[in-house]
Amino acid sequence: MHYKFLLVMNNTIFELENLGSLGEIIKKCVESTTKRVFAEMFEDYENNRKFEHSTISSDILCDRWGICKNTLRNYEKDGVITPLPTCGKTKMYSMNDVLEVEMNNPYFKNRA
């Protein structure tokens, strides 16, 4: 597929094909900038996805929320948050669940 590259300056449209080497320079600049911006966007997306799919221990969650373990256990009983099934003693929570609670629970909405 062939795309026609156009440059708009002061309401004048220039076909980059007709600008010779300047057109080629502009095309390369646009292509490299576009690739860089998409790479940065994809990297941000991947980092957010990894963060949201990570886990957090009960100790770190208590520190994050400024609560004690008994309060966290009460939140579990009330269905506010559910620990992930693990084979060890340390309870783990989905970071995605933690973020959802922080966004949807009135207690956390009013804290910030």
PDB file of N, CA and C in Angstrom:
ATOM      1  N   MET A   1       0.843  -1.178   0.000  1.00  0.00           N
ATOM      2  CA  MET A   1       0.000   0.000   0.000  1.00  0.00           C
ATOM      3  C   MET A   1       0.890   1.243   0.000  1.00  0.00           C
ATOM      4  N   HIS A   2       0.574   2.180  -0.854  1.00  0.00           N
ATOM      5  CA  HIS A   2       1.362   3.402  -0.942  1.00  0.00           C
ATOM      6  C   HIS A   2       0.570   4.539  -0.299  1.00  0.00           C
ATOM      7  N   TYR A   3       1.210   5.211   0.627  1.00  0.00           N
ATOM      8  CA  TYR A   3       0.573   6.350   1.278  1.00  0.00           C
ATOM      9  C   TYR A   3       1.146   7.628   0.714  1.00  0.00           C
ATOM     10  N   LYS A   4       0.286   8.602   0.521  1.00  0.00           N
ATOM     11  CA  LYS A   4       0.726   9.908   0.053  1.00  0.00           C
ATOM     12  C   LYS A   4       1.011  10.749   1.287  1.00  0.00           C
ATOM     13  N   PHE A   5       2.246  11.158   1.473  1.00  0.00           N
ATOM     14  CA  PHE A   5       2.623  11.977   2.610  1.00  0.00           C
ATOM     15  C   PHE A   5       2.408  13.441   2.259  1.00  0.00           C
ATOM     16  N   LEU A   6       1.682  14.116   3.130  1.00  0.00           N
ATOM     17  CA  LEU A   6       1.379  15.530   2.910  1.00  0.00           C
ATOM     18  C   LEU A   6       1.901  16.343   4.078  1.00  0.00           C
ATOM     19  N   LEU A   7       2.326  17.543   3.779  1.00  0.00           N
ATOM     20  CA  LEU A   7       2.788  18.476   4.787  1.00  0.00           C
ATOM     21  C   LEU A   7       1.907  19.708   4.689  1.00  0.00           C
ATOM     22  N   VAL A   8       1.324  20.124   5.805  1.00  0.00           N
ATOM     23  CA  VAL A   8       0.456  21.298   5.810  1.00  0.00           C
ATOM     24  C   VAL A   8       1.160  22.402   6.579  1.00  0.00           C
ATOM     25  N   MET A   9       1.417  23.491   5.905  1.00  0.00           N
ATOM     26  CA  MET A   9       2.044  24.654   6.532  1.00  0.00           C
ATOM     27  C   MET A   9       1.334  25.899   6.038  1.00  0.00           C
ATOM     28  N   ASN A  10       0.887  26.717   6.977  1.00  0.00           N
ATOM     29  CA  ASN A  10       0.182  27.955   6.638  1.00  0.00           C
ATOM     30  C   ASN A  10      -0.949  27.698   5.651  1.00  0.00           C
ATOM     31  N   ASN A  11      -1.729  26.662   5.926  1.00  0.00           N
ATOM     32  CA  ASN A  11      -2.874  26.277   5.101  1.00  0.00           C
ATOM     33  C   ASN A  11      -2.489  25.899   3.666  1.00  0.00           C
ATOM     34  N   THR A  12      -1.245  25.604   3.417  1.00  0.00           N
ATOM     35  CA  THR A  12      -0.799  25.147   2.104  1.00  0.00           C
ATOM     36  C   THR A  12      -0.387  23.690   2.232  1.00  0.00           C
ATOM     37  N   ILE A  13      -0.878  22.889   1.308  1.00  0.00           N
ATOM     38  CA  ILE A  13      -0.578  21.463   1.345  1.00  0.00           C
ATOM     39  C   ILE A  13       0.546  21.174   0.348  1.00  0.00           C
ATOM     40  N   PHE A  14       1.599  20.547   0.870  1.00  0.00           N
ATOM     41  CA  PHE A  14       2.720  20.147   0.031  1.00  0.00           C
ATOM     42  C   PHE A  14       2.766  18.626   0.022  1.00  0.00           C
ATOM     43  N   GLU A  15       2.896  18.032  -1.162  1.00  0.00           N
ATOM     44  CA  GLU A  15       3.144  16.599  -1.226  1.00  0.00           C
ATOM     45  C   GLU A  15       4.622  16.401  -0.986  1.00  0.00           C
ATOM     46  N   LEU A  16       4.952  15.574  -0.004  1.00  0.00           N
ATOM     47  CA  LEU A  16       6.349  15.370   0.335  1.00  0.00           C
ATOM     48  C   LEU A  16       7.136  14.774  -0.818  1.00  0.00           C
ATOM     49  N   GLU A  17       6.438  14.047  -1.686  1.00  0.00           N
ATOM     50  CA  GLU A  17       7.128  13.461  -2.843  1.00  0.00           C
ATOM     51  C   GLU A  17       7.707  14.565  -3.730  1.00  0.00           C
ATOM     52  N   ASN A  18       7.079  15.711  -3.753  1.00  0.00           N
ATOM     53  CA  ASN A  18       7.516  16.805  -4.635  1.00  0.00           C
ATOM     54  C   ASN A  18       8.550  17.718  -3.978  1.00  0.00           C
ATOM     55  N   LEU A  19       8.881  17.459  -2.717  1.00  0.00           N
ATOM     56  CA  LEU A  19       9.834  18.324  -2.025  1.00  0.00           C
ATOM     57  C   LEU A  19      11.262  17.770  -2.083  1.00  0.00           C
ATOM     58  N   GLY A  20      11.450  16.663  -2.771  1.00  0.00           N
ATOM     59  CA  GLY A  20      12.789  16.111  -2.937  1.00  0.00           C
ATOM     60  C   GLY A  20      13.400  15.641  -1.639  1.00  0.00           C
ATOM     61  N   SER A  21      14.668  16.016  -1.414  1.00  0.00           N
ATOM     62  CA  SER A  21      15.381  15.533  -0.229  1.00  0.00           C
ATOM     63  C   SER A  21      14.777  16.084   1.063  1.00  0.00           C
ATOM     64  N   LEU A  22      14.221  17.285   1.021  1.00  0.00           N
ATOM     65  CA  LEU A  22      13.558  17.835   2.205  1.00  0.00           C
ATOM     66  C   LEU A  22      12.359  16.978   2.585  1.00  0.00           C
ATOM     67  N   GLY A  23      11.619  16.526   1.593  1.00  0.00           N
ATOM     68  CA  GLY A  23      10.483  15.649   1.834  1.00  0.00           C
ATOM     69  C   GLY A  23      10.919  14.346   2.473  1.00  0.00           C
ATOM     70  N   GLU A  24      12.028  13.795   2.008  1.00  0.00           N
ATOM     71  CA  GLU A  24      12.551  12.555   2.582  1.00  0.00           C
ATOM     72  C   GLU A  24      12.971  12.760   4.038  1.00  0.00           C
ATOM     73  N   ILE A  25      13.604  13.884   4.323  1.00  0.00           N
ATOM     74  CA  ILE A  25      14.024  14.199   5.687  1.00  0.00           C
ATOM     75  C   ILE A  25      12.797  14.309   6.598  1.00  0.00           C
ATOM     76  N   ILE A  26      11.779  14.995   6.116  1.00  0.00           N
ATOM     77  CA  ILE A  26      10.557  15.161   6.901  1.00  0.00           C
ATOM     78  C   ILE A  26       9.901  13.809   7.143  1.00  0.00           C
ATOM     79  N   LYS A  27       9.816  12.964   6.101  1.00  0.00           N
ATOM     80  CA  LYS A  27       9.213  11.635   6.260  1.00  0.00           C
ATOM     81  C   LYS A  27       9.964  10.811   7.295  1.00  0.00           C
ATOM     82  N   LYS A  28      11.291  10.824   7.231  1.00  0.00           N
ATOM     83  CA  LYS A  28      12.095  10.055   8.183  1.00  0.00           C
ATOM     84  C   LYS A  28      11.904  10.580   9.605  1.00  0.00           C
ATOM     85  N   CYS A  29      11.817  11.887   9.750  1.00  0.00           N
ATOM     86  CA  CYS A  29      11.606  12.497  11.063  1.00  0.00           C
ATOM     87  C   CYS A  29      10.244  12.087  11.624  1.00  0.00           C
ATOM     88  N   VAL A  30       9.219  12.144  10.785  1.00  0.00           N
ATOM     89  CA  VAL A  30       7.873  11.765  11.219  1.00  0.00           C
ATOM     90  C   VAL A  30       7.831  10.279  11.574  1.00  0.00           C
ATOM     91  N   GLU A  31       8.448   9.438  10.743  1.00  0.00           N
ATOM     92  CA  GLU A  31       8.455   8.006  11.007  1.00  0.00           C
ATOM     93  C   GLU A  31       9.180   7.677  12.315  1.00  0.00           C
ATOM     94  N   SER A  32      10.343   8.282  12.532  1.00  0.00           N
ATOM     95  CA  SER A  32      11.095   7.977  13.760  1.00  0.00           C
ATOM     96  C   SER A  32      10.363   8.497  14.998  1.00  0.00           C
ATOM     97  N   THR A  33       9.757   9.670  14.885  1.00  0.00           N
ATOM     98  CA  THR A  33       9.000  10.217  16.017  1.00  0.00           C
ATOM     99  C   THR A  33       7.794   9.343  16.320  1.00  0.00           C
ATOM    100  N   THR A  34       7.104   8.913  15.274  1.00  0.00           N
ATOM    101  CA  THR A  34       5.938   8.048  15.453  1.00  0.00           C
ATOM    102  C   THR A  34       6.333   6.732  16.108  1.00  0.00           C
ATOM    103  N   LYS A  35       7.416   6.113  15.638  1.00  0.00           N
ATOM    104  CA  LYS A  35       7.887   4.863  16.230  1.00  0.00           C
ATOM    105  C   LYS A  35       8.250   5.056  17.699  1.00  0.00           C
ATOM    106  N   ARG A  36       8.927   6.161  18.016  1.00  0.00           N
ATOM    107  CA  ARG A  36       9.336   6.429  19.396  1.00  0.00           C
ATOM    108  C   ARG A  36       8.121   6.615  20.291  1.00  0.00           C
ATOM    109  N   VAL A  37       7.142   7.388  19.824  1.00  0.00           N
ATOM    110  CA  VAL A  37       5.941   7.649  20.624  1.00  0.00           C
ATOM    111  C   VAL A  37       5.164   6.351  20.864  1.00  0.00           C
ATOM    112  N   PHE A  38       5.012   5.535  19.812  1.00  0.00           N
ATOM    113  CA  PHE A  38       4.305   4.265  19.996  1.00  0.00           C
ATOM    114  C   PHE A  38       5.072   3.332  20.916  1.00  0.00           C
ATOM    115  N   ALA A  39       6.392   3.309  20.821  1.00  0.00           N
ATOM    116  CA  ALA A  39       7.192   2.466  21.715  1.00  0.00           C
ATOM    117  C   ALA A  39       7.020   2.909  23.162  1.00  0.00           C
ATOM    118  N   GLU A  40       7.014   4.221  23.410  1.00  0.00           N
ATOM    119  CA  GLU A  40       6.816   4.740  24.764  1.00  0.00           C
ATOM    120  C   GLU A  40       5.420   4.399  25.283  1.00  0.00           C
ATOM    121  N   MET A  41       4.419   4.545  24.413  1.00  0.00           N
ATOM    122  CA  MET A  41       3.048   4.224  24.820  1.00  0.00           C
ATOM    123  C   MET A  41       2.926   2.739  25.147  1.00  0.00           C
ATOM    124  N   PHE A  42       3.518   1.886  24.331  1.00  0.00           N
ATOM    125  CA  PHE A  42       3.448   0.446  24.570  1.00  0.00           C
ATOM    126  C   PHE A  42       4.182   0.087  25.855  1.00  0.00           C
ATOM    127  N   GLU A  43       5.325   0.712  26.096  1.00  0.00           N
ATOM    128  CA  GLU A  43       6.082   0.457  27.316  1.00  0.00           C
ATOM    129  C   GLU A  43       5.268   0.859  28.552  1.00  0.00           C
ATOM    130  N   ASP A  44       4.621   2.034  28.497  1.00  0.00           N
ATOM    131  CA  ASP A  44       3.762   2.468  29.602  1.00  0.00           C
ATOM    132  C   ASP A  44       2.621   1.480  29.824  1.00  0.00           C
ATOM    133  N   TYR A  45       2.016   1.037  28.729  1.00  0.00           N
ATOM    134  CA  TYR A  45       0.912   0.080  28.821  1.00  0.00           C
ATOM    135  C   TYR A  45       1.397  -1.215  29.470  1.00  0.00           C
ATOM    136  N   GLU A  46       2.533  -1.726  29.022  1.00  0.00           N
ATOM    137  CA  GLU A  46       3.075  -2.973  29.565  1.00  0.00           C
ATOM    138  C   GLU A  46       3.410  -2.832  31.053  1.00  0.00           C
ATOM    139  N   ASN A  47       4.008  -1.698  31.424  1.00  0.00           N
ATOM    140  CA  ASN A  47       4.344  -1.482  32.832  1.00  0.00           C
ATOM    141  C   ASN A  47       3.086  -1.433  33.692  1.00  0.00           C
ATOM    142  N   ASN A  48       2.055  -0.758  33.211  1.00  0.00           N
ATOM    143  CA  ASN A  48       0.788  -0.698  33.952  1.00  0.00           C
ATOM    144  C   ASN A  48       0.150  -2.074  34.051  1.00  0.00           C
ATOM    145  N   ARG A  49       0.193  -2.827  32.962  1.00  0.00           N
ATOM    146  CA  ARG A  49      -0.396  -4.167  32.955  1.00  0.00           C
ATOM    147  C   ARG A  49       0.336  -5.085  33.936  1.00  0.00           C
ATOM    148  N   LYS A  50       1.667  -5.005  33.934  1.00  0.00           N
ATOM    149  CA  LYS A  50       2.446  -5.826  34.870  1.00  0.00           C
ATOM    150  C   LYS A  50       2.136  -5.433  36.314  1.00  0.00           C
ATOM    151  N   PHE A  51       2.034  -4.125  36.567  1.00  0.00           N
ATOM    152  CA  PHE A  51       1.739  -3.641  37.916  1.00  0.00           C
ATOM    153  C   PHE A  51       0.372  -4.131  38.373  1.00  0.00           C
ATOM    154  N   GLU A  52      -0.637  -3.984  37.508  1.00  0.00           N
ATOM    155  CA  GLU A  52      -1.991  -4.384  37.876  1.00  0.00           C
ATOM    156  C   GLU A  52      -2.120  -5.883  38.071  1.00  0.00           C
ATOM    157  N   HIS A  53      -1.268  -6.671  37.414  1.00  0.00           N
ATOM    158  CA  HIS A  53      -1.347  -8.120  37.531  1.00  0.00           C
ATOM    159  C   HIS A  53      -0.349  -8.662  38.556  1.00  0.00           C
ATOM    160  N   SER A  54       0.257  -7.782  39.309  1.00  0.00           N
ATOM    161  CA  SER A  54       1.181  -8.225  40.346  1.00  0.00           C
ATOM    162  C   SER A  54       0.394  -8.504  41.634  1.00  0.00           C
ATOM    163  N   THR A  55       1.116  -8.956  42.645  1.00  0.00           N
ATOM    164  CA  THR A  55       0.477  -9.243  43.931  1.00  0.00           C
ATOM    165  C   THR A  55       1.132  -8.406  45.024  1.00  0.00           C
ATOM    166  N   ILE A  56       0.436  -8.318  46.144  1.00  0.00           N
ATOM    167  CA  ILE A  56       0.905  -7.525  47.273  1.00  0.00           C
ATOM    168  C   ILE A  56       0.628  -8.327  48.545  1.00  0.00           C
ATOM    169  N   SER A  57       1.562  -8.334  49.463  1.00  0.00           N
ATOM    170  CA  SER A  57       1.386  -9.098  50.706  1.00  0.00           C
ATOM    171  C   SER A  57       0.492  -8.329  51.674  1.00  0.00           C
ATOM    172  N   SER A  58       0.005  -9.040  52.681  1.00  0.00           N
ATOM    173  CA  SER A  58      -0.867  -8.398  53.674  1.00  0.00           C
ATOM    174  C   SER A  58      -0.119  -7.313  54.445  1.00  0.00           C
ATOM    175  N   ASP A  59       1.171  -7.543  54.742  1.00  0.00           N
ATOM    176  CA  ASP A  59       1.956  -6.523  55.462  1.00  0.00           C
ATOM    177  C   ASP A  59       2.058  -5.234  54.652  1.00  0.00           C
ATOM    178  N   ILE A  60       2.367  -5.376  53.380  1.00  0.00           N
ATOM    179  CA  ILE A  60       2.518  -4.189  52.527  1.00  0.00           C
ATOM    180  C   ILE A  60       1.168  -3.521  52.320  1.00  0.00           C
ATOM    181  N   LEU A  61       0.114  -4.316  52.189  1.00  0.00           N
ATOM    182  CA  LEU A  61      -1.225  -3.751  52.021  1.00  0.00           C
ATOM    183  C   LEU A  61      -1.646  -2.975  53.270  1.00  0.00           C
ATOM    184  N   CYS A  62      -1.351  -3.510  54.439  1.00  0.00           N
ATOM    185  CA  CYS A  62      -1.671  -2.790  55.680  1.00  0.00           C
ATOM    186  C   CYS A  62      -0.917  -1.470  55.743  1.00  0.00           C
ATOM    187  N   ASP A  63       0.348  -1.477  55.363  1.00  0.00           N
ATOM    188  CA  ASP A  63       1.124  -0.230  55.329  1.00  0.00           C
ATOM    189  C   ASP A  63       0.533   0.744  54.317  1.00  0.00           C
ATOM    190  N   ARG A  64       0.176   0.236  53.145  1.00  0.00           N
ATOM    191  CA  ARG A  64      -0.370   1.080  52.080  1.00  0.00           C
ATOM    192  C   ARG A  64      -1.671   1.755  52.524  1.00  0.00           C
ATOM    193  N   TRP A  65      -2.524   0.990  53.204  1.00  0.00           N
ATOM    194  CA  TRP A  65      -3.818   1.522  53.617  1.00  0.00           C
ATOM    195  C   TRP A  65      -3.788   2.147  55.010  1.00  0.00           C
ATOM    196  N   GLY A  66      -2.684   2.003  55.719  1.00  0.00           N
ATOM    197  CA  GLY A  66      -2.586   2.575  57.059  1.00  0.00           C
ATOM    198  C   GLY A  66      -3.513   1.903  58.052  1.00  0.00           C
ATOM    199  N   ILE A  67      -3.605   0.582  57.953  1.00  0.00           N
ATOM    200  CA  ILE A  67      -4.496  -0.181  58.832  1.00  0.00           C
ATOM    201  C   ILE A  67      -3.710  -1.314  59.493  1.00  0.00           C
ATOM    202  N   CYS A  68      -4.316  -1.934  60.509  1.00  0.00           N
ATOM    203  CA  CYS A  68      -3.689  -3.096  61.148  1.00  0.00           C
ATOM    204  C   CYS A  68      -4.247  -4.369  60.516  1.00  0.00           C
ATOM    205  N   LYS A  69      -3.645  -5.488  60.863  1.00  0.00           N
ATOM    206  CA  LYS A  69      -4.064  -6.771  60.273  1.00  0.00           C
ATOM    207  C   LYS A  69      -5.489  -7.147  60.669  1.00  0.00           C
ATOM    208  N   ASN A  70      -5.892  -6.772  61.884  1.00  0.00           N
ATOM    209  CA  ASN A  70      -7.270  -7.076  62.289  1.00  0.00           C
ATOM    210  C   ASN A  70      -8.275  -6.339  61.412  1.00  0.00           C
ATOM    211  N   THR A  71      -7.983  -5.100  61.077  1.00  0.00           N
ATOM    212  CA  THR A  71      -8.874  -4.337  60.200  1.00  0.00           C
ATOM    213  C   THR A  71      -8.918  -4.989  58.823  1.00  0.00           C
ATOM    214  N   LEU A  72      -7.756  -5.445  58.340  1.00  0.00           N
ATOM    215  CA  LEU A  72      -7.717  -6.127  57.046  1.00  0.00           C
ATOM    216  C   LEU A  72      -8.563  -7.405  57.092  1.00  0.00           C
ATOM    217  N   ARG A  73      -8.478  -8.146  58.178  1.00  0.00           N
ATOM    218  CA  ARG A  73      -9.304  -9.356  58.325  1.00  0.00           C
ATOM    219  C   ARG A  73     -10.797  -8.991  58.331  1.00  0.00           C
ATOM    220  N   ASN A  74     -11.136  -7.878  58.971  1.00  0.00           N
ATOM    221  CA  ASN A  74     -12.537  -7.428  58.952  1.00  0.00           C
ATOM    222  C   ASN A  74     -12.971  -7.063  57.537  1.00  0.00           C
ATOM    223  N   TYR A  75     -12.079  -6.431  56.773  1.00  0.00           N
ATOM    224  CA  TYR A  75     -12.395  -6.115  55.375  1.00  0.00           C
ATOM    225  C   TYR A  75     -12.648  -7.402  54.588  1.00  0.00           C
ATOM    226  N   GLU A  76     -11.859  -8.435  54.888  1.00  0.00           N
ATOM    227  CA  GLU A  76     -12.063  -9.722  54.209  1.00  0.00           C
ATOM    228  C   GLU A  76     -13.427 -10.295  54.575  1.00  0.00           C
ATOM    229  N   LYS A  77     -13.784 -10.254  55.869  1.00  0.00           N
ATOM    230  CA  LYS A  77     -15.082 -10.778  56.318  1.00  0.00           C
ATOM    231  C   LYS A  77     -16.232 -10.013  55.671  1.00  0.00           C
ATOM    232  N   ASP A  78     -16.055  -8.695  55.515  1.00  0.00           N
ATOM    233  CA  ASP A  78     -17.100  -7.857  54.921  1.00  0.00           C
ATOM    234  C   ASP A  78     -17.130  -7.950  53.397  1.00  0.00           C
ATOM    235  N   GLY A  79     -16.169  -8.680  52.815  1.00  0.00           N
ATOM    236  CA  GLY A  79     -16.144  -8.853  51.365  1.00  0.00           C
ATOM    237  C   GLY A  79     -15.542  -7.686  50.611  1.00  0.00           C
ATOM    238  N   VAL A  80     -14.838  -6.801  51.327  1.00  0.00           N
ATOM    239  CA  VAL A  80     -14.208  -5.651  50.668  1.00  0.00           C
ATOM    240  C   VAL A  80     -13.078  -6.125  49.763  1.00  0.00           C
ATOM    241  N   ILE A  81     -12.287  -7.072  50.251  1.00  0.00           N
ATOM    242  CA  ILE A  81     -11.176  -7.623  49.482  1.00  0.00           C
ATOM    243  C   ILE A  81     -11.011  -9.093  49.843  1.00  0.00           C
ATOM    244  N   THR A  82     -10.545  -9.859  48.876  1.00  0.00           N
ATOM    245  CA  THR A  82     -10.364 -11.300  49.074  1.00  0.00           C
ATOM    246  C   THR A  82      -8.918 -11.670  48.784  1.00  0.00           C
ATOM    247  N   PRO A  83      -8.265 -12.388  49.702  1.00  0.00           N
ATOM    248  CA  PRO A  83      -6.888 -12.804  49.431  1.00  0.00           C
ATOM    249  C   PRO A  83      -6.848 -13.881  48.345  1.00  0.00           C
ATOM    250  N   LEU A  84      -5.718 -13.958  47.671  1.00  0.00           N
ATOM    251  CA  LEU A  84      -5.525 -14.998  46.667  1.00  0.00           C
ATOM    252  C   LEU A  84      -5.215 -16.321  47.366  1.00  0.00           C
ATOM    253  N   PRO A  85      -5.580 -17.428  46.759  1.00  0.00           N
ATOM    254  CA  PRO A  85      -5.209 -18.713  47.360  1.00  0.00           C
ATOM    255  C   PRO A  85      -3.695 -18.923  47.250  1.00  0.00           C
ATOM    256  N   THR A  86      -3.060 -19.181  48.388  1.00  0.00           N
ATOM    257  CA  THR A  86      -1.622 -19.438  48.413  1.00  0.00           C
ATOM    258  C   THR A  86      -1.357 -20.665  49.263  1.00  0.00           C
ATOM    259  N   CYS A  87      -0.145 -21.200  49.131  1.00  0.00           N
ATOM    260  CA  CYS A  87       0.188 -22.382  49.928  1.00  0.00           C
ATOM    261  C   CYS A  87       0.988 -22.015  51.181  1.00  0.00           C
ATOM    262  N   GLY A  88       1.353 -20.753  51.322  1.00  0.00           N
ATOM    263  CA  GLY A  88       2.125 -20.329  52.487  1.00  0.00           C
ATOM    264  C   GLY A  88       1.264 -19.632  53.519  1.00  0.00           C
ATOM    265  N   LYS A  89       1.915 -19.110  54.540  1.00  0.00           N
ATOM    266  CA  LYS A  89       1.201 -18.404  55.608  1.00  0.00           C
ATOM    267  C   LYS A  89       0.857 -16.967  55.223  1.00  0.00           C
ATOM    268  N   THR A  90       1.700 -16.341  54.424  1.00  0.00           N
ATOM    269  CA  THR A  90       1.487 -14.943  54.069  1.00  0.00           C
ATOM    270  C   THR A  90       0.343 -14.805  53.083  1.00  0.00           C
ATOM    271  N   LYS A  91      -0.625 -13.981  53.422  1.00  0.00           N
ATOM    272  CA  LYS A  91      -1.735 -13.732  52.512  1.00  0.00           C
ATOM    273  C   LYS A  91      -1.266 -12.772  51.423  1.00  0.00           C
ATOM    274  N   MET A  92      -1.705 -13.052  50.205  1.00  0.00           N
ATOM    275  CA  MET A  92      -1.366 -12.214  49.056  1.00  0.00           C
ATOM    276  C   MET A  92      -2.660 -11.710  48.428  1.00  0.00           C
ATOM    277  N   TYR A  93      -2.584 -10.516  47.870  1.00  0.00           N
ATOM    278  CA  TYR A  93      -3.747  -9.887  47.253  1.00  0.00           C
ATOM    279  C   TYR A  93      -3.387  -9.442  45.851  1.00  0.00           C
ATOM    280  N   SER A  94      -4.344  -9.500  44.963  1.00  0.00           N
ATOM    281  CA  SER A  94      -4.151  -9.034  43.601  1.00  0.00           C
ATOM    282  C   SER A  94      -4.076  -7.509  43.611  1.00  0.00           C
ATOM    283  N   MET A  95      -3.070  -6.964  42.964  1.00  0.00           N
ATOM    284  CA  MET A  95      -2.939  -5.501  42.895  1.00  0.00           C
ATOM    285  C   MET A  95      -4.130  -4.904  42.160  1.00  0.00           C
ATOM    286  N   ASN A  96      -4.662  -5.638  41.211  1.00  0.00           N
ATOM    287  CA  ASN A  96      -5.847  -5.175  40.498  1.00  0.00           C
ATOM    288  C   ASN A  96      -7.025  -5.033  41.460  1.00  0.00           C
ATOM    289  N   ASP A  97      -7.191  -6.006  42.384  1.00  0.00           N
ATOM    290  CA  ASP A  97      -8.258  -5.924  43.395  1.00  0.00           C
ATOM    291  C   ASP A  97      -8.025  -4.747  44.340  1.00  0.00           C
ATOM    292  N   VAL A  98      -6.763  -4.541  44.726  1.00  0.00           N
ATOM    293  CA  VAL A  98      -6.422  -3.432  45.630  1.00  0.00           C
ATOM    294  C   VAL A  98      -6.792  -2.098  44.977  1.00  0.00           C
ATOM    295  N   LEU A  99      -6.413  -1.929  43.713  1.00  0.00           N
ATOM    296  CA  LEU A  99      -6.721  -0.677  43.004  1.00  0.00           C
ATOM    297  C   LEU A  99      -8.224  -0.488  42.849  1.00  0.00           C
ATOM    298  N   GLU A 100      -8.940  -1.582  42.602  1.00  0.00           N
ATOM    299  CA  GLU A 100     -10.391  -1.501  42.465  1.00  0.00           C
ATOM    300  C   GLU A 100     -11.037  -1.062  43.774  1.00  0.00           C
ATOM    301  N   VAL A 101     -10.582  -1.619  44.889  1.00  0.00           N
ATOM    302  CA  VAL A 101     -11.109  -1.219  46.200  1.00  0.00           C
ATOM    303  C   VAL A 101     -10.819   0.264  46.433  1.00  0.00           C
ATOM    304  N   GLU A 102      -9.604   0.676  46.141  1.00  0.00           N
ATOM    305  CA  GLU A 102      -9.223   2.078  46.371  1.00  0.00           C
ATOM    306  C   GLU A 102     -10.048   3.039  45.520  1.00  0.00           C
ATOM    307  N   MET A 103     -10.461   2.595  44.350  1.00  0.00           N
ATOM    308  CA  MET A 103     -11.248   3.473  43.479  1.00  0.00           C
ATOM    309  C   MET A 103     -12.731   3.469  43.818  1.00  0.00           C
ATOM    310  N   ASN A 104     -13.246   2.324  44.281  1.00  0.00           N
ATOM    311  CA  ASN A 104     -14.693   2.172  44.450  1.00  0.00           C
ATOM    312  C   ASN A 104     -15.190   2.254  45.883  1.00  0.00           C
ATOM    313  N   ASN A 105     -14.317   2.074  46.852  1.00  0.00           N
ATOM    314  CA  ASN A 105     -14.738   2.091  48.246  1.00  0.00           C
ATOM    315  C   ASN A 105     -14.767   3.535  48.746  1.00  0.00           C
ATOM    316  N   PRO A 106     -15.899   3.997  49.300  1.00  0.00           N
ATOM    317  CA  PRO A 106     -16.009   5.390  49.749  1.00  0.00           C
ATOM    318  C   PRO A 106     -14.938   5.788  50.769  1.00  0.00           C
ATOM    319  N   TYR A 107     -14.513   4.839  51.624  1.00  0.00           N
ATOM    320  CA  TYR A 107     -13.488   5.160  52.622  1.00  0.00           C
ATOM    321  C   TYR A 107     -12.199   5.606  51.940  1.00  0.00           C
ATOM    322  N   PHE A 108     -11.803   4.898  50.894  1.00  0.00           N
ATOM    323  CA  PHE A 108     -10.545   5.225  50.219  1.00  0.00           C
ATOM    324  C   PHE A 108     -10.702   6.419  49.281  1.00  0.00           C
ATOM    325  N   LYS A 109     -11.890   6.610  48.717  1.00  0.00           N
ATOM    326  CA  LYS A 109     -12.124   7.764  47.857  1.00  0.00           C
ATOM    327  C   LYS A 109     -11.953   9.072  48.626  1.00  0.00           C
ATOM    328  N   ASN A 110     -12.414   9.096  49.865  1.00  0.00           N
ATOM    329  CA  ASN A 110     -12.393  10.319  50.661  1.00  0.00           C
ATOM    330  C   ASN A 110     -11.067  10.580  51.357  1.00  0.00           C
ATOM    331  N   ARG A 111     -10.152   9.580  51.364  1.00  0.00           N
ATOM    332  CA  ARG A 111      -8.873   9.745  52.049  1.00  0.00           C
ATOM    333  C   ARG A 111      -7.907  10.640  51.281  1.00  0.00           C
ATOM    334  N   ALA A 112      -7.950  10.569  49.979  1.00  0.00           N
ATOM    335  CA  ALA A 112      -6.984  11.330  49.157  1.00  0.00           C
ATOM    336  C   ALA A 112      -7.420  12.733  49.037  1.00  0.00           C
TER     337      ALA A 112
END
